Amino acid sequence: MRPEQFESWLTVDARGLYCRPGGFHIDPHAGAKRAVITHGHSDHARPGHDHVLATRETLAVMKTRLGAAAPRSTQEAAYGEAVRIGDVTVTLLPAGHVLGSAQVLIEWKGVCAVVSGDYKRSGDPTCAGFELVPCDLFVTEATFALPVFQHGDVKAEVGKLLKSRAQFPDRAHVVGVYGLGKCQRLIALLREAGYDRPIYLHGALIECCALYESFGVRLGELRPATGTPREEMKGEIVLAPPSAIADRWSRRLPDPVTAFASGWMRVRARARRQGVELPLVISDHADWRELTETIAETGAREVWVTHGREDALLHHIEMTGRRGRALALIGREDEDQ
């Protein structure tokens, strides 16, 4: 199959990326008859689909987050399990992004395409690690696809948080974290670093933490921050959604040190604009090095870019002798950076 022929069976329509011989969309933006969902973040796992194929963990996340709007017709697929859909074979493989996240391997007429979904290749004790899949076509995200984004060592970032806590024992440290993935990963990294004190949670984070623990991810002692006396919060670590660290919810904490765990914290000007005192560069997405190395290691001669900082990555793709294409997919947001 010539490279341009991929476009004859993988197309983009109003709902998103569509596999014609399989009759399904991947992470569709709007309600689809049949959907394959890579992971549970709200910009990928939307309500309104008639039937959904995903990992068991992702289906559980969708049920937890969408409630009554979660799909009723579902099919679980374990990592590495080949599933026949229409005329294609689909296999879900670990993406390393969050609990249950998957790449989608599609095989048809002797060629294979891999849709990465969101992914990272750095270590994460709360989910299965990224699995490299050789392919003919690689469809990749590009959230942090600029050379400036080098995420570095997450253990060193956790060390910065613990050092600050030791320096300011009378101040609470409130850390902005995305509720699915980043929250649980930071907790697990703190535990790995030897931090065994209770960690306090904003109410919006409790349900997803309980879900992770139901799948065997041990997070240690967690307590609700709401209702805890102000004096008891001195010197403690408190996790909250990013929107909560700048509003009046955080003002009840004792002289809080405001932190934010995100790949965007590599941009210091952005941290200053958001009033972040302690930026922590901890991302659940691939950085520039991981993106470019992954593209090379797949062996793909054609690479499509779904969303993010497309121009620099497309230039890199073409400079390395591959055919690149930007997909104008709508509805991709910054929930999980």
C-alpha atoms as a PDB file:
ATOM      1  CA  MET A   1       0.000   0.000   0.000  1.00  0.00           C
ATOM      2  CA  ARG A   2       1.378   3.413  -0.975  1.00  0.00           C
ATOM      3  CA  PRO A   3       1.476   5.998   1.823  1.00  0.00           C
ATOM      4  CA  GLU A   4      -1.277   8.160   0.367  1.00  0.00           C
ATOM      5  CA  GLN A   5      -3.646   5.181   0.377  1.00  0.00           C
ATOM      6  CA  PHE A   6      -4.005   5.352   4.156  1.00  0.00           C
ATOM      7  CA  GLU A   7      -6.282   8.301   3.521  1.00  0.00           C
ATOM      8  CA  SER A   8      -8.663   6.030   1.631  1.00  0.00           C
ATOM      9  CA  TRP A   9      -9.593   4.104   4.780  1.00  0.00           C
ATOM     10  CA  LEU A  10      -8.671   6.383   7.693  1.00  0.00           C
ATOM     11  CA  THR A  11     -10.534   9.659   7.297  1.00  0.00           C
ATOM     12  CA  VAL A  12     -11.541  12.703   9.325  1.00  0.00           C
ATOM     13  CA  ASP A  13     -15.189  13.687   9.503  1.00  0.00           C
ATOM     14  CA  ALA A  14     -17.325  15.855  11.797  1.00  0.00           C
ATOM     15  CA  ARG A  15     -16.946  13.340  14.634  1.00  0.00           C
ATOM     16  CA  GLY A  16     -13.195  12.841  14.324  1.00  0.00           C
ATOM     17  CA  LEU A  17     -10.907  10.078  13.071  1.00  0.00           C
ATOM     18  CA  TYR A  18     -12.898   7.338  11.316  1.00  0.00           C
ATOM     19  CA  CYS A  19     -11.822   3.838  10.272  1.00  0.00           C
ATOM     20  CA  ARG A  20     -13.950   3.070   7.232  1.00  0.00           C
ATOM     21  CA  PRO A  21     -13.424  -0.722   6.924  1.00  0.00           C
ATOM     22  CA  GLY A  22     -14.030  -1.118  10.659  1.00  0.00           C
ATOM     23  CA  GLY A  23     -16.991   1.247  10.868  1.00  0.00           C
ATOM     24  CA  PHE A  24     -15.774   3.003  14.029  1.00  0.00           C
ATOM     25  CA  HIS A  25     -14.406   6.337  15.235  1.00  0.00           C
ATOM     26  CA  ILE A  26     -11.452   6.733  17.580  1.00  0.00           C
ATOM     27  CA  ASP A  27     -12.090   9.181  20.449  1.00  0.00           C
ATOM     28  CA  PRO A  28     -14.934  10.878  18.555  1.00  0.00           C
ATOM     29  CA  HIS A  29     -15.837  14.441  19.421  1.00  0.00           C
ATOM     30  CA  ALA A  30     -19.587  13.850  19.019  1.00  0.00           C
ATOM     31  CA  GLY A  31     -21.857  10.852  19.446  1.00  0.00           C
ATOM     32  CA  ALA A  32     -20.813   7.975  17.197  1.00  0.00           C
ATOM     33  CA  LYS A  33     -22.457   4.675  16.345  1.00  0.00           C
ATOM     34  CA  ARG A  34     -19.312   2.783  17.320  1.00  0.00           C
ATOM     35  CA  ALA A  35     -16.301   4.240  19.156  1.00  0.00           C
ATOM     36  CA  VAL A  36     -12.908   3.024  20.292  1.00  0.00           C
ATOM     37  CA  ILE A  37     -11.794   5.125  23.268  1.00  0.00           C
ATOM     38  CA  THR A  38      -8.110   5.477  24.133  1.00  0.00           C
ATOM     39  CA  HIS A  39      -8.549   6.776  27.712  1.00  0.00           C
ATOM     40  CA  GLY A  40     -10.925   8.422  30.120  1.00  0.00           C
ATOM     41  CA  HIS A  41     -10.067  12.138  29.927  1.00  0.00           C
ATOM     42  CA  SER A  42     -13.075  14.199  28.954  1.00  0.00           C
ATOM     43  CA  ASP A  43     -11.591  15.488  25.705  1.00  0.00           C
ATOM     44  CA  HIS A  44     -11.291  11.885  24.491  1.00  0.00           C
ATOM     45  CA  ALA A  45     -14.080  10.011  26.307  1.00  0.00           C
ATOM     46  CA  ARG A  46     -17.273  11.911  25.568  1.00  0.00           C
ATOM     47  CA  PRO A  47     -20.896  10.883  26.135  1.00  0.00           C
ATOM     48  CA  GLY A  48     -23.397   9.984  23.427  1.00  0.00           C
ATOM     49  CA  HIS A  49     -21.838   6.968  21.704  1.00  0.00           C
ATOM     50  CA  ASP A  50     -24.007   3.929  20.936  1.00  0.00           C
ATOM     51  CA  HIS A  51     -21.231   1.392  21.540  1.00  0.00           C
ATOM     52  CA  VAL A  52     -17.750   1.744  23.047  1.00  0.00           C
ATOM     53  CA  LEU A  53     -14.702  -0.514  22.973  1.00  0.00           C
ATOM     54  CA  ALA A  54     -12.018   0.287  25.557  1.00  0.00           C
ATOM     55  CA  THR A  55      -9.967  -1.242  28.336  1.00  0.00           C
ATOM     56  CA  ARG A  56     -11.766  -2.301  31.498  1.00  0.00           C
ATOM     57  CA  GLU A  57     -10.168   0.571  33.399  1.00  0.00           C
ATOM     58  CA  THR A  58     -11.214   3.185  30.834  1.00  0.00           C
ATOM     59  CA  LEU A  59     -14.794   1.921  30.849  1.00  0.00           C
ATOM     60  CA  ALA A  60     -14.795   2.209  34.645  1.00  0.00           C
ATOM     61  CA  VAL A  61     -13.453   5.757  34.420  1.00  0.00           C
ATOM     62  CA  MET A  62     -16.185   6.669  31.926  1.00  0.00           C
ATOM     63  CA  LYS A  63     -18.846   5.207  34.205  1.00  0.00           C
ATOM     64  CA  THR A  64     -17.479   7.130  37.183  1.00  0.00           C
ATOM     65  CA  ARG A  65     -17.088  10.454  35.406  1.00  0.00           C
ATOM     66  CA  LEU A  66     -20.079  10.398  33.056  1.00  0.00           C
ATOM     67  CA  GLY A  67     -22.605   8.741  35.356  1.00  0.00           C
ATOM     68  CA  ALA A  68     -25.947   8.272  33.603  1.00  0.00           C
ATOM     69  CA  ALA A  69     -24.404   9.577  30.356  1.00  0.00           C
ATOM     70  CA  ALA A  70     -21.868   6.720  30.219  1.00  0.00           C
ATOM     71  CA  PRO A  71     -22.346   4.295  27.301  1.00  0.00           C
ATOM     72  CA  ARG A  72     -24.580   1.325  28.042  1.00  0.00           C
ATOM     73  CA  SER A  73     -23.298  -0.879  25.241  1.00  0.00           C
ATOM     74  CA  THR A  74     -19.615  -1.583  25.892  1.00  0.00           C
ATOM     75  CA  GLN A  75     -16.931  -4.131  25.126  1.00  0.00           C
ATOM     76  CA  GLU A  76     -13.814  -4.645  27.233  1.00  0.00           C
ATOM     77  CA  ALA A  77     -10.500  -5.414  25.585  1.00  0.00           C
ATOM     78  CA  ALA A  78      -7.427  -6.422  27.534  1.00  0.00           C
ATOM     79  CA  TYR A  79      -4.027  -5.117  26.480  1.00  0.00           C
ATOM     80  CA  GLY A  80      -2.765  -7.273  23.612  1.00  0.00           C
ATOM     81  CA  GLU A  81      -6.138  -8.855  22.879  1.00  0.00           C
ATOM     82  CA  ALA A  82      -6.936  -8.859  19.140  1.00  0.00           C
ATOM     83  CA  VAL A  83     -10.551  -7.892  18.420  1.00  0.00           C
ATOM     84  CA  ARG A  84     -12.192  -8.184  15.016  1.00  0.00           C
ATOM     85  CA  ILE A  85     -14.308  -5.148  14.106  1.00  0.00           C
ATOM     86  CA  GLY A  86     -15.773  -5.194  10.628  1.00  0.00           C
ATOM     87  CA  ASP A  87     -12.931  -5.943   8.225  1.00  0.00           C
ATOM     88  CA  VAL A  88     -10.070  -4.885  10.532  1.00  0.00           C
ATOM     89  CA  THR A  89      -8.309  -6.261  13.581  1.00  0.00           C
ATOM     90  CA  VAL A  90      -7.961  -3.895  16.536  1.00  0.00           C
ATOM     91  CA  THR A  91      -5.554  -4.367  19.430  1.00  0.00           C
ATOM     92  CA  LEU A  92      -5.208  -2.063  22.432  1.00  0.00           C
ATOM     93  CA  LEU A  93      -1.710  -1.603  23.836  1.00  0.00           C
ATOM     94  CA  PRO A  94      -0.441   0.452  26.808  1.00  0.00           C
ATOM     95  CA  ALA A  95       0.070   4.181  26.239  1.00  0.00           C
ATOM     96  CA  GLY A  96       1.508   5.036  29.670  1.00  0.00           C
ATOM     97  CA  HIS A  97      -0.704   8.136  29.974  1.00  0.00           C
ATOM     98  CA  VAL A  98      -3.175   7.308  32.779  1.00  0.00           C
ATOM     99  CA  LEU A  99      -4.885   4.238  34.213  1.00  0.00           C
ATOM    100  CA  GLY A 100      -6.235   2.139  31.330  1.00  0.00           C
ATOM    101  CA  SER A 101      -4.883   4.359  28.569  1.00  0.00           C
ATOM    102  CA  ALA A 102      -4.256   2.608  25.282  1.00  0.00           C
ATOM    103  CA  GLN A 103      -2.815   2.981  21.839  1.00  0.00           C
ATOM    104  CA  VAL A 104      -5.026   1.583  19.078  1.00  0.00           C
ATOM    105  CA  LEU A 105      -3.357  -0.790  16.629  1.00  0.00           C
ATOM    106  CA  ILE A 106      -5.422  -1.278  13.468  1.00  0.00           C
ATOM    107  CA  GLU A 107      -4.460  -4.007  10.966  1.00  0.00           C
ATOM    108  CA  TRP A 108      -6.011  -4.180   7.509  1.00  0.00           C
ATOM    109  CA  LYS A 109      -4.864  -5.798   4.260  1.00  0.00           C
ATOM    110  CA  GLY A 110      -1.322  -6.398   5.425  1.00  0.00           C
ATOM    111  CA  VAL A 111      -0.632  -2.896   6.779  1.00  0.00           C
ATOM    112  CA  CYS A 112      -0.924  -1.508  10.269  1.00  0.00           C
ATOM    113  CA  ALA A 113      -1.681   1.883  11.729  1.00  0.00           C
ATOM    114  CA  VAL A 114      -1.205   2.910  15.355  1.00  0.00           C
ATOM    115  CA  VAL A 115      -3.216   5.731  16.906  1.00  0.00           C
ATOM    116  CA  SER A 116      -1.295   6.743  20.012  1.00  0.00           C
ATOM    117  CA  GLY A 117      -3.968   8.666  21.897  1.00  0.00           C
ATOM    118  CA  ASP A 118      -2.186  10.658  24.612  1.00  0.00           C
ATOM    119  CA  TYR A 119       1.002   8.999  25.824  1.00  0.00           C
ATOM    120  CA  LYS A 120       4.201   9.371  27.792  1.00  0.00           C
ATOM    121  CA  ARG A 121       7.273   7.212  28.153  1.00  0.00           C
ATOM    122  CA  SER A 122       8.515   8.329  31.564  1.00  0.00           C
ATOM    123  CA  GLY A 123       7.838   6.130  34.578  1.00  0.00           C
ATOM    124  CA  ASP A 124       4.472   6.120  36.300  1.00  0.00           C
ATOM    125  CA  PRO A 125       3.702   3.723  39.170  1.00  0.00           C
ATOM    126  CA  THR A 126      -0.065   4.109  38.643  1.00  0.00           C
ATOM    127  CA  CYS A 127      -0.467   2.748  35.106  1.00  0.00           C
ATOM    128  CA  ALA A 128       0.999   0.319  32.588  1.00  0.00           C
ATOM    129  CA  GLY A 129       4.061   1.697  30.795  1.00  0.00           C
ATOM    130  CA  PHE A 130       4.111   2.707  27.130  1.00  0.00           C
ATOM    131  CA  GLU A 131       4.658  -0.179  24.720  1.00  0.00           C
ATOM    132  CA  LEU A 132       6.369   0.631  21.432  1.00  0.00           C
ATOM    133  CA  VAL A 133       4.481  -0.754  18.418  1.00  0.00           C
ATOM    134  CA  PRO A 134       6.198  -0.923  14.996  1.00  0.00           C
ATOM    135  CA  CYS A 135       3.804   0.277  12.304  1.00  0.00           C
ATOM    136  CA  ASP A 136       3.401   1.691   8.812  1.00  0.00           C
ATOM    137  CA  LEU A 137       1.379   4.727   9.909  1.00  0.00           C
ATOM    138  CA  PHE A 138       1.747   6.402  13.300  1.00  0.00           C
ATOM    139  CA  VAL A 139      -0.922   8.869  14.449  1.00  0.00           C
ATOM    140  CA  THR A 140       0.603  10.864  17.291  1.00  0.00           C
ATOM    141  CA  GLU A 141      -0.391  13.602  19.696  1.00  0.00           C
ATOM    142  CA  ALA A 142       1.757  16.750  19.857  1.00  0.00           C
ATOM    143  CA  THR A 143       0.780  18.507  23.085  1.00  0.00           C
ATOM    144  CA  PHE A 144       4.378  19.419  23.959  1.00  0.00           C
ATOM    145  CA  ALA A 145       5.893  19.270  20.475  1.00  0.00           C
ATOM    146  CA  LEU A 146       8.416  22.078  20.806  1.00  0.00           C
ATOM    147  CA  PRO A 147      12.115  21.581  21.640  1.00  0.00           C
ATOM    148  CA  VAL A 148      11.726  23.800  24.726  1.00  0.00           C
ATOM    149  CA  PHE A 149       9.610  21.120  26.369  1.00  0.00           C
ATOM    150  CA  GLN A 150      12.043  18.758  28.092  1.00  0.00           C
ATOM    151  CA  HIS A 151      10.193  17.441  31.120  1.00  0.00           C
ATOM    152  CA  GLY A 152      13.183  16.136  33.044  1.00  0.00           C
ATOM    153  CA  ASP A 153      13.214  13.979  36.173  1.00  0.00           C
ATOM    154  CA  VAL A 154       9.886  13.752  38.015  1.00  0.00           C
ATOM    155  CA  LYS A 155      11.645  12.533  41.159  1.00  0.00           C
ATOM    156  CA  ALA A 156      13.601  15.782  41.271  1.00  0.00           C
ATOM    157  CA  GLU A 157      10.344  17.746  40.971  1.00  0.00           C
ATOM    158  CA  VAL A 158       8.829  15.785  43.865  1.00  0.00           C
ATOM    159  CA  GLY A 159      12.026  16.519  45.784  1.00  0.00           C
ATOM    160  CA  LYS A 160      11.423  20.252  45.272  1.00  0.00           C
ATOM    161  CA  LEU A 161       7.987  19.901  46.839  1.00  0.00           C
ATOM    162  CA  LEU A 162       9.310  17.997  49.839  1.00  0.00           C
ATOM    163  CA  LYS A 163      12.202  20.454  50.279  1.00  0.00           C
ATOM    164  CA  SER A 164       9.795  23.386  50.275  1.00  0.00           C
ATOM    165  CA  ARG A 165       7.614  21.652  52.850  1.00  0.00           C
ATOM    166  CA  ALA A 166      10.657  21.180  55.095  1.00  0.00           C
ATOM    167  CA  GLN A 167      11.634  24.836  54.694  1.00  0.00           C
ATOM    168  CA  PHE A 168       8.148  26.144  55.490  1.00  0.00           C
ATOM    169  CA  PRO A 169       6.736  23.765  58.128  1.00  0.00           C
ATOM    170  CA  ASP A 170       3.940  26.151  59.139  1.00  0.00           C
ATOM    171  CA  ARG A 171       2.566  26.590  55.627  1.00  0.00           C
ATOM    172  CA  ALA A 172       0.239  24.259  53.773  1.00  0.00           C
ATOM    173  CA  HIS A 173       1.388  23.298  50.288  1.00  0.00           C
ATOM    174  CA  VAL A 174      -1.564  23.269  47.905  1.00  0.00           C
ATOM    175  CA  VAL A 175      -0.748  21.615  44.584  1.00  0.00           C
ATOM    176  CA  GLY A 176      -2.912  22.006  41.493  1.00  0.00           C
ATOM    177  CA  VAL A 177      -3.347  18.626  39.792  1.00  0.00           C
ATOM    178  CA  TYR A 178      -5.663  17.261  37.136  1.00  0.00           C
ATOM    179  CA  GLY A 179      -8.130  14.870  38.720  1.00  0.00           C
ATOM    180  CA  LEU A 180      -7.552  11.788  36.568  1.00  0.00           C
ATOM    181  CA  GLY A 181      -3.955  10.630  36.363  1.00  0.00           C
ATOM    182  CA  LYS A 182      -1.850  13.544  37.595  1.00  0.00           C
ATOM    183  CA  CYS A 183      -3.369  13.487  41.086  1.00  0.00           C
ATOM    184  CA  GLN A 184      -2.793   9.774  41.605  1.00  0.00           C
ATOM    185  CA  ARG A 185       0.640   9.823  39.994  1.00  0.00           C
ATOM    186  CA  LEU A 186       1.854  12.625  42.265  1.00  0.00           C
ATOM    187  CA  ILE A 187       0.559  10.794  45.331  1.00  0.00           C
ATOM    188  CA  ALA A 188       2.328   7.596  44.254  1.00  0.00           C
ATOM    189  CA  LEU A 189       5.559   9.485  43.562  1.00  0.00           C
ATOM    190  CA  LEU A 190       5.392  11.091  47.004  1.00  0.00           C
ATOM    191  CA  ARG A 191       4.951   7.647  48.557  1.00  0.00           C
ATOM    192  CA  GLU A 192       7.923   6.321  46.580  1.00  0.00           C
ATOM    193  CA  ALA A 193       9.972   9.233  47.940  1.00  0.00           C
ATOM    194  CA  GLY A 194       9.163   8.103  51.487  1.00  0.00           C
ATOM    195  CA  TYR A 195       6.411  10.604  52.302  1.00  0.00           C
ATOM    196  CA  ASP A 196       4.025   8.692  54.555  1.00  0.00           C
ATOM    197  CA  ARG A 197       1.929  11.460  56.073  1.00  0.00           C
ATOM    198  CA  PRO A 198      -1.750  11.810  55.184  1.00  0.00           C
ATOM    199  CA  ILE A 199      -2.331  13.683  51.929  1.00  0.00           C
ATOM    200  CA  TYR A 200      -5.348  15.978  51.869  1.00  0.00           C
ATOM    201  CA  LEU A 201      -7.698  16.123  48.891  1.00  0.00           C
ATOM    202  CA  HIS A 202     -10.167  18.602  47.495  1.00  0.00           C
ATOM    203  CA  GLY A 203     -13.544  16.878  47.257  1.00  0.00           C
ATOM    204  CA  ALA A 204     -13.421  16.784  43.445  1.00  0.00           C
ATOM    205  CA  LEU A 205     -10.409  14.423  43.553  1.00  0.00           C
ATOM    206  CA  ILE A 206     -11.699  11.804  45.961  1.00  0.00           C
ATOM    207  CA  GLU A 207     -13.772   9.706  43.564  1.00  0.00           C
ATOM    208  CA  CYS A 208     -10.993   9.119  41.020  1.00  0.00           C
ATOM    209  CA  CYS A 209      -8.542   8.208  43.787  1.00  0.00           C
ATOM    210  CA  ALA A 210     -11.012   5.599  45.048  1.00  0.00           C
ATOM    211  CA  LEU A 211     -11.315   4.254  41.501  1.00  0.00           C
ATOM    212  CA  TYR A 212      -7.539   3.870  41.189  1.00  0.00           C
ATOM    213  CA  GLU A 213      -7.407   2.039  44.504  1.00  0.00           C
ATOM    214  CA  SER A 214     -10.177  -0.324  43.322  1.00  0.00           C
ATOM    215  CA  PHE A 215      -7.752  -1.380  40.560  1.00  0.00           C
ATOM    216  CA  GLY A 216      -4.966  -2.078  43.058  1.00  0.00           C
ATOM    217  CA  VAL A 217      -3.116   1.246  42.975  1.00  0.00           C
ATOM    218  CA  ARG A 218      -2.114   1.917  46.582  1.00  0.00           C
ATOM    219  CA  LEU A 219      -2.127   5.595  47.520  1.00  0.00           C
ATOM    220  CA  GLY A 220      -1.737   5.485  51.292  1.00  0.00           C
ATOM    221  CA  GLU A 221      -3.755   7.554  53.741  1.00  0.00           C
ATOM    222  CA  LEU A 222      -5.890  10.221  52.072  1.00  0.00           C
ATOM    223  CA  ARG A 223      -8.097  12.688  53.910  1.00  0.00           C
ATOM    224  CA  PRO A 224     -10.661  15.231  52.733  1.00  0.00           C
ATOM    225  CA  ALA A 225      -9.378  18.784  53.057  1.00  0.00           C
ATOM    226  CA  THR A 226     -12.836  20.261  53.459  1.00  0.00           C
ATOM    227  CA  GLY A 227     -13.877  20.217  57.087  1.00  0.00           C
ATOM    228  CA  THR A 228     -10.380  19.760  58.465  1.00  0.00           C
ATOM    229  CA  PRO A 229      -9.485  22.490  61.017  1.00  0.00           C
ATOM    230  CA  ARG A 230      -7.117  25.141  59.679  1.00  0.00           C
ATOM    231  CA  GLU A 231      -4.485  24.483  62.351  1.00  0.00           C
ATOM    232  CA  GLU A 232      -4.263  20.807  61.400  1.00  0.00           C
ATOM    233  CA  MET A 233      -3.324  21.737  57.836  1.00  0.00           C
ATOM    234  CA  LYS A 234      -0.051  23.445  58.766  1.00  0.00           C
ATOM    235  CA  GLY A 235       2.847  21.738  57.022  1.00  0.00           C
ATOM    236  CA  GLU A 236       0.556  19.385  55.088  1.00  0.00           C
ATOM    237  CA  ILE A 237       0.332  18.666  51.359  1.00  0.00           C
ATOM    238  CA  VAL A 238      -3.070  19.401  49.845  1.00  0.00           C
ATOM    239  CA  LEU A 239      -4.058  18.440  46.294  1.00  0.00           C
ATOM    240  CA  ALA A 240      -6.758  20.336  44.438  1.00  0.00           C
ATOM    241  CA  PRO A 241      -7.981  20.942  40.880  1.00  0.00           C
ATOM    242  CA  PRO A 242      -6.063  23.768  39.170  1.00  0.00           C
ATOM    243  CA  SER A 243      -9.118  26.020  39.308  1.00  0.00           C
ATOM    244  CA  ALA A 244      -9.296  25.698  43.103  1.00  0.00           C
ATOM    245  CA  ILE A 245      -5.754  26.790  43.924  1.00  0.00           C
ATOM    246  CA  ALA A 246      -6.474  30.373  42.871  1.00  0.00           C
ATOM    247  CA  ASP A 247      -9.952  30.806  44.309  1.00  0.00           C
ATOM    248  CA  ARG A 248     -11.296  31.329  47.809  1.00  0.00           C
ATOM    249  CA  TRP A 249     -11.285  27.591  48.558  1.00  0.00           C
ATOM    250  CA  SER A 250      -7.510  27.700  49.046  1.00  0.00           C
ATOM    251  CA  ARG A 251      -7.659  30.812  51.247  1.00  0.00           C
ATOM    252  CA  ARG A 252      -8.890  28.773  54.192  1.00  0.00           C
ATOM    253  CA  LEU A 253      -5.521  26.959  54.243  1.00  0.00           C
ATOM    254  CA  PRO A 254      -2.773  28.264  56.539  1.00  0.00           C
ATOM    255  CA  ASP A 255      -0.528  30.625  54.507  1.00  0.00           C
ATOM    256  CA  PRO A 256      -0.534  28.302  51.487  1.00  0.00           C
ATOM    257  CA  VAL A 257       2.410  27.771  49.157  1.00  0.00           C
ATOM    258  CA  THR A 258       0.778  27.523  45.738  1.00  0.00           C
ATOM    259  CA  ALA A 259       2.185  24.824  43.460  1.00  0.00           C
ATOM    260  CA  PHE A 260       1.068  23.361  40.143  1.00  0.00           C
ATOM    261  CA  ALA A 261       2.144  20.015  38.628  1.00  0.00           C
ATOM    262  CA  SER A 262       2.058  20.301  34.842  1.00  0.00           C
ATOM    263  CA  GLY A 263       4.250  20.153  31.770  1.00  0.00           C
ATOM    264  CA  TRP A 264       3.297  23.781  31.175  1.00  0.00           C
ATOM    265  CA  MET A 265       5.318  24.736  34.237  1.00  0.00           C
ATOM    266  CA  ARG A 266       8.410  24.516  32.047  1.00  0.00           C
ATOM    267  CA  VAL A 267       7.289  27.963  30.812  1.00  0.00           C
ATOM    268  CA  ARG A 268       8.106  30.194  33.777  1.00  0.00           C
ATOM    269  CA  ALA A 269       6.126  33.140  32.416  1.00  0.00           C
ATOM    270  CA  ARG A 270       3.025  30.959  32.418  1.00  0.00           C
ATOM    271  CA  ALA A 271       3.651  29.964  36.029  1.00  0.00           C
ATOM    272  CA  ARG A 272       4.007  33.619  37.026  1.00  0.00           C
ATOM    273  CA  ARG A 273       0.804  34.597  35.218  1.00  0.00           C
ATOM    274  CA  GLN A 274      -1.067  31.904  37.119  1.00  0.00           C
ATOM    275  CA  GLY A 275       0.376  33.003  40.440  1.00  0.00           C
ATOM    276  CA  VAL A 276       2.221  29.716  40.978  1.00  0.00           C
ATOM    277  CA  GLU A 277       4.887  30.019  43.661  1.00  0.00           C
ATOM    278  CA  LEU A 278       6.283  26.502  43.218  1.00  0.00           C
ATOM    279  CA  PRO A 279       6.072  25.220  39.613  1.00  0.00           C
ATOM    280  CA  LEU A 280       6.503  21.446  39.303  1.00  0.00           C
ATOM    281  CA  VAL A 281       7.314  20.147  35.819  1.00  0.00           C
ATOM    282  CA  ILE A 282       5.407  16.866  35.952  1.00  0.00           C
ATOM    283  CA  SER A 283       3.614  15.927  32.741  1.00  0.00           C
ATOM    284  CA  ASP A 284       1.548  12.966  31.619  1.00  0.00           C
ATOM    285  CA  HIS A 285       2.396  13.666  27.982  1.00  0.00           C
ATOM    286  CA  ALA A 286       5.484  12.933  25.897  1.00  0.00           C
ATOM    287  CA  ASP A 287       7.970  15.784  25.638  1.00  0.00           C
ATOM    288  CA  TRP A 288       9.832  16.761  22.456  1.00  0.00           C
ATOM    289  CA  ARG A 289      12.504  14.087  22.885  1.00  0.00           C
ATOM    290  CA  GLU A 290       9.988  11.331  23.569  1.00  0.00           C
ATOM    291  CA  LEU A 291       7.831  12.373  20.614  1.00  0.00           C
ATOM    292  CA  THR A 292      10.686  12.428  18.105  1.00  0.00           C
ATOM    293  CA  GLU A 293      12.307   9.244  19.409  1.00  0.00           C
ATOM    294  CA  THR A 294       8.991   7.392  19.367  1.00  0.00           C
ATOM    295  CA  ILE A 295       8.305   8.412  15.785  1.00  0.00           C
ATOM    296  CA  ALA A 296      11.720   7.090  14.747  1.00  0.00           C
ATOM    297  CA  GLU A 297      11.422   3.867  16.728  1.00  0.00           C
ATOM    298  CA  THR A 298       8.026   2.898  15.282  1.00  0.00           C
ATOM    299  CA  GLY A 299       9.619   2.709  11.842  1.00  0.00           C
ATOM    300  CA  ALA A 300       6.573   4.442  10.370  1.00  0.00           C
ATOM    301  CA  ARG A 301       7.118   6.125   7.016  1.00  0.00           C
ATOM    302  CA  GLU A 302       3.985   8.214   7.444  1.00  0.00           C
ATOM    303  CA  VAL A 303       3.067  10.192  10.562  1.00  0.00           C
ATOM    304  CA  TRP A 304      -0.173  12.071  11.246  1.00  0.00           C
ATOM    305  CA  VAL A 305      -0.404  14.631  14.045  1.00  0.00           C
ATOM    306  CA  THR A 306      -3.753  14.871  15.817  1.00  0.00           C
ATOM    307  CA  HIS A 307      -3.483  17.983  17.995  1.00  0.00           C
ATOM    308  CA  GLY A 308      -1.088  20.235  19.800  1.00  0.00           C
ATOM    309  CA  ARG A 309       1.988  22.107  18.576  1.00  0.00           C
ATOM    310  CA  GLU A 310       1.875  20.671  15.059  1.00  0.00           C
ATOM    311  CA  ASP A 311       4.168  22.858  12.949  1.00  0.00           C
ATOM    312  CA  ALA A 312       7.498  22.060  14.591  1.00  0.00           C
ATOM    313  CA  LEU A 313       6.779  18.339  14.694  1.00  0.00           C
ATOM    314  CA  LEU A 314       5.628  18.253  11.073  1.00  0.00           C
ATOM    315  CA  HIS A 315       8.847  20.006  10.059  1.00  0.00           C
ATOM    316  CA  HIS A 316      10.856  17.409  11.990  1.00  0.00           C
ATOM    317  CA  ILE A 317       8.873  14.562  10.396  1.00  0.00           C
ATOM    318  CA  GLU A 318       9.513  15.831   6.888  1.00  0.00           C
ATOM    319  CA  MET A 319      13.198  16.564   7.588  1.00  0.00           C
ATOM    320  CA  THR A 320      13.663  12.913   8.580  1.00  0.00           C
ATOM    321  CA  GLY A 321      12.247  11.678   5.268  1.00  0.00           C
ATOM    322  CA  ARG A 322       8.759  10.771   6.413  1.00  0.00           C
ATOM    323  CA  ARG A 323       5.431  11.942   5.084  1.00  0.00           C
ATOM    324  CA  GLY A 324       3.597  14.099   7.613  1.00  0.00           C
ATOM    325  CA  ARG A 325       0.042  15.323   7.864  1.00  0.00           C
ATOM    326  CA  ALA A 326      -1.791  17.506  10.388  1.00  0.00           C
ATOM    327  CA  LEU A 327      -5.270  16.335  11.335  1.00  0.00           C
ATOM    328  CA  ALA A 328      -7.631  19.162  12.213  1.00  0.00           C
ATOM    329  CA  LEU A 329      -9.399  17.364  15.060  1.00  0.00           C
ATOM    330  CA  ILE A 330     -11.622  19.536  17.230  1.00  0.00           C
ATOM    331  CA  GLY A 331     -12.344  19.277  20.936  1.00  0.00           C
ATOM    332  CA  ARG A 332      -8.884  18.493  22.281  1.00  0.00           C
ATOM    333  CA  GLU A 333      -8.257  20.450  25.470  1.00  0.00           C
ATOM    334  CA  ASP A 334      -5.745  20.897  28.291  1.00  0.00           C
ATOM    335  CA  GLU A 335      -7.465  18.813  30.969  1.00  0.00           C
ATOM    336  CA  ASP A 336      -4.623  16.372  31.531  1.00  0.00           C
ATOM    337  CA  GLN A 337      -1.300  18.046  30.863  1.00  0.00           C
END
